[in-house]
């Protein structure tokens, strides 16, 4: 029997979660895990009950679109939604691992740190070196998932 490792299993689930994303720019999924149990999941998209990005895509001018100064202002990031889901149902993320389909941005990194997550495993790139600096300063364990295995991220 060929079973995936726990890391491969949870990263596959993060990819499945990303298929629910509503932002046309990027589909991201996050899974918060503690003791090999899923605590919460999140994907990027508009806040609960609010309209998603318009059919014309995020490039359209506000208020019809969701871009301002080159950034999406309508969607929450997958990491934010996962942490908020855990808070909403009253589950602590203290000591958890977060699996995410791309590197967290610096805003998400700050939230991950404050939520008590101790380990981040991400797959794809995101152009935000400051998030890695925040993880370094917090002594976060950070790994890059590539082709089924983990590589510890050199945080300097």
Protein backbone atom coordinates (compact mmCIF):
# COMPACT_ATOMS: atom_id res chain seq x y z
CA UNK A 1 0.00 0.00 0.00
CA UNK A 2 1.47 3.34 -1.09
CA UNK A 3 0.27 5.96 1.39
CA UNK A 4 1.30 9.62 1.25
CA UNK A 5 3.36 11.07 4.08
CA UNK A 6 1.48 13.31 6.51
CA UNK A 7 3.05 16.37 4.89
CA UNK A 8 2.02 15.23 1.40
CA UNK A 9 -1.47 14.42 2.68
CA UNK A 10 -2.05 17.84 4.26
CA UNK A 11 -0.52 19.69 1.31
CA UNK A 12 -2.85 17.79 -1.04
CA UNK A 13 -5.75 18.91 1.14
CA UNK A 14 -4.48 22.53 0.97
CA UNK A 15 -4.56 22.25 -2.83
CA UNK A 16 -8.10 20.90 -2.69
CA UNK A 17 -9.12 23.77 -0.39
CA UNK A 18 -7.62 26.25 -2.90
CA UNK A 19 -10.17 25.12 -5.49
CA UNK A 20 -12.82 27.01 -3.47
CA UNK A 21 -10.94 30.34 -3.88
CA UNK A 22 -12.97 33.15 -5.41
CA UNK A 23 -10.18 35.56 -6.37
CA UNK A 24 -9.46 35.36 -10.10
CA UNK A 25 -5.83 36.45 -9.61
CA UNK A 26 -4.62 33.49 -7.54
CA UNK A 27 -6.11 30.43 -5.86
CA UNK A 28 -4.53 29.69 -2.49
CA UNK A 29 -5.44 27.13 0.17
CA UNK A 30 -4.35 26.82 3.80
CA UNK A 31 -4.82 24.03 6.33
CA UNK A 32 -4.10 24.38 10.06
CA UNK A 33 -3.13 21.07 11.65
CA UNK A 34 -2.43 20.11 15.25
CA UNK A 35 -1.57 16.56 16.33
CA UNK A 36 -2.27 15.31 12.78
CA UNK A 37 -5.83 16.64 13.01
CA UNK A 38 -7.21 19.41 10.82
CA UNK A 39 -8.14 22.40 12.98
CA UNK A 40 -9.27 24.78 10.22
CA UNK A 41 -9.01 25.49 6.51
CA UNK A 42 -9.12 28.66 4.47
CA UNK A 43 -8.97 29.90 0.90
CA UNK A 44 -8.64 33.38 -0.53
CA UNK A 45 -11.81 35.24 -1.28
CA UNK A 46 -14.23 37.96 -0.26
CA UNK A 47 -15.45 38.18 3.35
CA UNK A 48 -18.34 35.91 4.32
CA UNK A 49 -21.61 37.00 2.70
CA UNK A 50 -20.06 39.70 0.51
CA UNK A 51 -19.89 39.58 -3.29
CA UNK A 52 -16.90 37.90 -4.87
CA UNK A 53 -14.63 39.63 -7.36
CA UNK A 54 -16.63 40.61 -10.42
CA UNK A 55 -16.72 38.54 -13.56
CA UNK A 56 -14.59 41.15 -15.34
CA UNK A 57 -11.71 40.27 -13.03
CA UNK A 58 -9.77 42.25 -10.47
CA UNK A 59 -8.36 44.71 -13.01
CA UNK A 60 -11.63 46.61 -13.27
CA UNK A 61 -11.77 49.96 -11.54
CA UNK A 62 -13.22 50.23 -8.06
CA UNK A 63 -16.09 50.01 -7.06
CA UNK A 64 -16.88 47.36 -9.69
CA UNK A 65 -13.46 45.77 -9.44
CA UNK A 66 -11.35 44.83 -6.47
CA UNK A 67 -7.92 46.32 -7.27
CA UNK A 68 -6.38 49.42 -5.73
CA UNK A 69 -2.77 50.45 -6.30
CA UNK A 70 -2.06 47.08 -7.89
CA UNK A 71 -3.38 45.04 -4.96
CA UNK A 72 -6.60 43.14 -4.43
CA UNK A 73 -8.58 44.86 -1.70
CA UNK A 74 -11.67 42.63 -1.70
CA UNK A 75 -10.19 39.24 -0.76
CA UNK A 76 -8.81 37.90 2.47
CA UNK A 77 -5.84 35.59 2.12
CA UNK A 78 -6.20 31.85 2.69
CA UNK A 79 -4.05 31.99 5.83
CA UNK A 80 -6.22 34.77 7.28
CA UNK A 81 -9.41 32.84 6.56
CA UNK A 82 -8.01 29.67 8.15
CA UNK A 83 -7.04 31.53 11.33
CA UNK A 84 -10.39 33.32 11.42
CA UNK A 85 -12.27 30.04 10.95
CA UNK A 86 -10.40 28.56 13.93
CA UNK A 87 -11.26 31.62 16.04
CA UNK A 88 -14.88 31.54 14.92
CA UNK A 89 -15.31 27.95 16.12
CA UNK A 90 -13.21 28.53 19.26
CA UNK A 91 -10.23 26.33 18.42
CA UNK A 92 -6.70 27.37 19.36
CA UNK A 93 -3.90 27.33 16.77
CA UNK A 94 -1.25 27.25 19.50
CA UNK A 95 1.55 24.88 18.49
CA UNK A 96 -0.09 24.04 15.15
CA UNK A 97 1.40 23.62 11.68
CA UNK A 98 0.01 25.59 8.75
CA UNK A 99 0.19 24.08 5.27
CA UNK A 100 -0.26 26.68 2.54
CA UNK A 101 -0.03 26.42 -1.23
CA UNK A 102 2.25 29.48 -1.49
CA UNK A 103 4.56 31.46 0.79
CA UNK A 104 2.63 33.70 3.18
CA UNK A 105 2.86 37.48 2.78
CA UNK A 106 4.13 39.62 5.66
CA UNK A 107 0.63 40.47 6.91
CA UNK A 108 -0.27 36.78 7.05
CA UNK A 109 3.10 36.00 8.66
CA UNK A 110 2.30 38.43 11.49
CA UNK A 111 -1.10 36.82 12.01
CA UNK A 112 0.37 33.31 11.90
CA UNK A 113 2.95 34.27 14.51
CA UNK A 114 0.38 35.89 16.81
CA UNK A 115 -1.98 32.91 16.48
CA UNK A 116 0.69 30.68 18.02
CA UNK A 117 1.36 28.56 14.93
CA UNK A 118 4.86 27.08 15.35
CA UNK A 119 5.51 25.59 11.92
CA UNK A 120 4.74 26.74 8.37
CA UNK A 121 5.02 24.52 5.33
CA UNK A 122 4.46 26.23 1.99
CA UNK A 123 4.82 25.22 -1.63
CA UNK A 124 4.74 28.06 -4.16
CA UNK A 125 6.55 31.38 -4.27
CA UNK A 126 5.28 34.78 -3.18
CA UNK A 127 7.46 37.88 -3.65
CA UNK A 128 7.70 38.96 0.01
CA UNK A 129 11.11 38.44 1.63
CA UNK A 130 9.99 40.42 4.69
CA UNK A 131 7.60 37.62 5.67
CA UNK A 132 10.59 35.28 5.91
CA UNK A 133 12.40 37.85 8.05
CA UNK A 134 9.40 37.96 10.40
CA UNK A 135 9.45 34.18 10.61
CA UNK A 136 13.19 34.29 11.36
CA UNK A 137 12.74 36.82 14.15
CA UNK A 138 9.95 34.74 15.69
CA UNK A 139 11.97 31.50 15.50
CA UNK A 140 9.24 29.95 13.35
CA UNK A 141 10.04 26.61 11.74
CA UNK A 142 9.57 27.14 8.00
CA UNK A 143 9.75 24.49 5.31
CA UNK A 144 9.31 24.49 1.56
CA UNK A 145 7.37 21.56 0.18
CA UNK A 146 8.81 20.33 -3.12
CA UNK A 147 8.06 17.15 -4.98
CA UNK A 148 6.83 15.30 -1.92
CA UNK A 149 9.57 16.29 0.49
CA UNK A 150 10.38 19.15 2.86
CA UNK A 151 13.33 21.51 2.61
CA UNK A 152 14.00 23.74 5.58
CA UNK A 153 13.95 27.38 4.47
CA UNK A 154 17.17 29.20 5.27
CA UNK A 155 15.92 32.21 7.20
CA UNK A 156 19.43 33.53 7.75
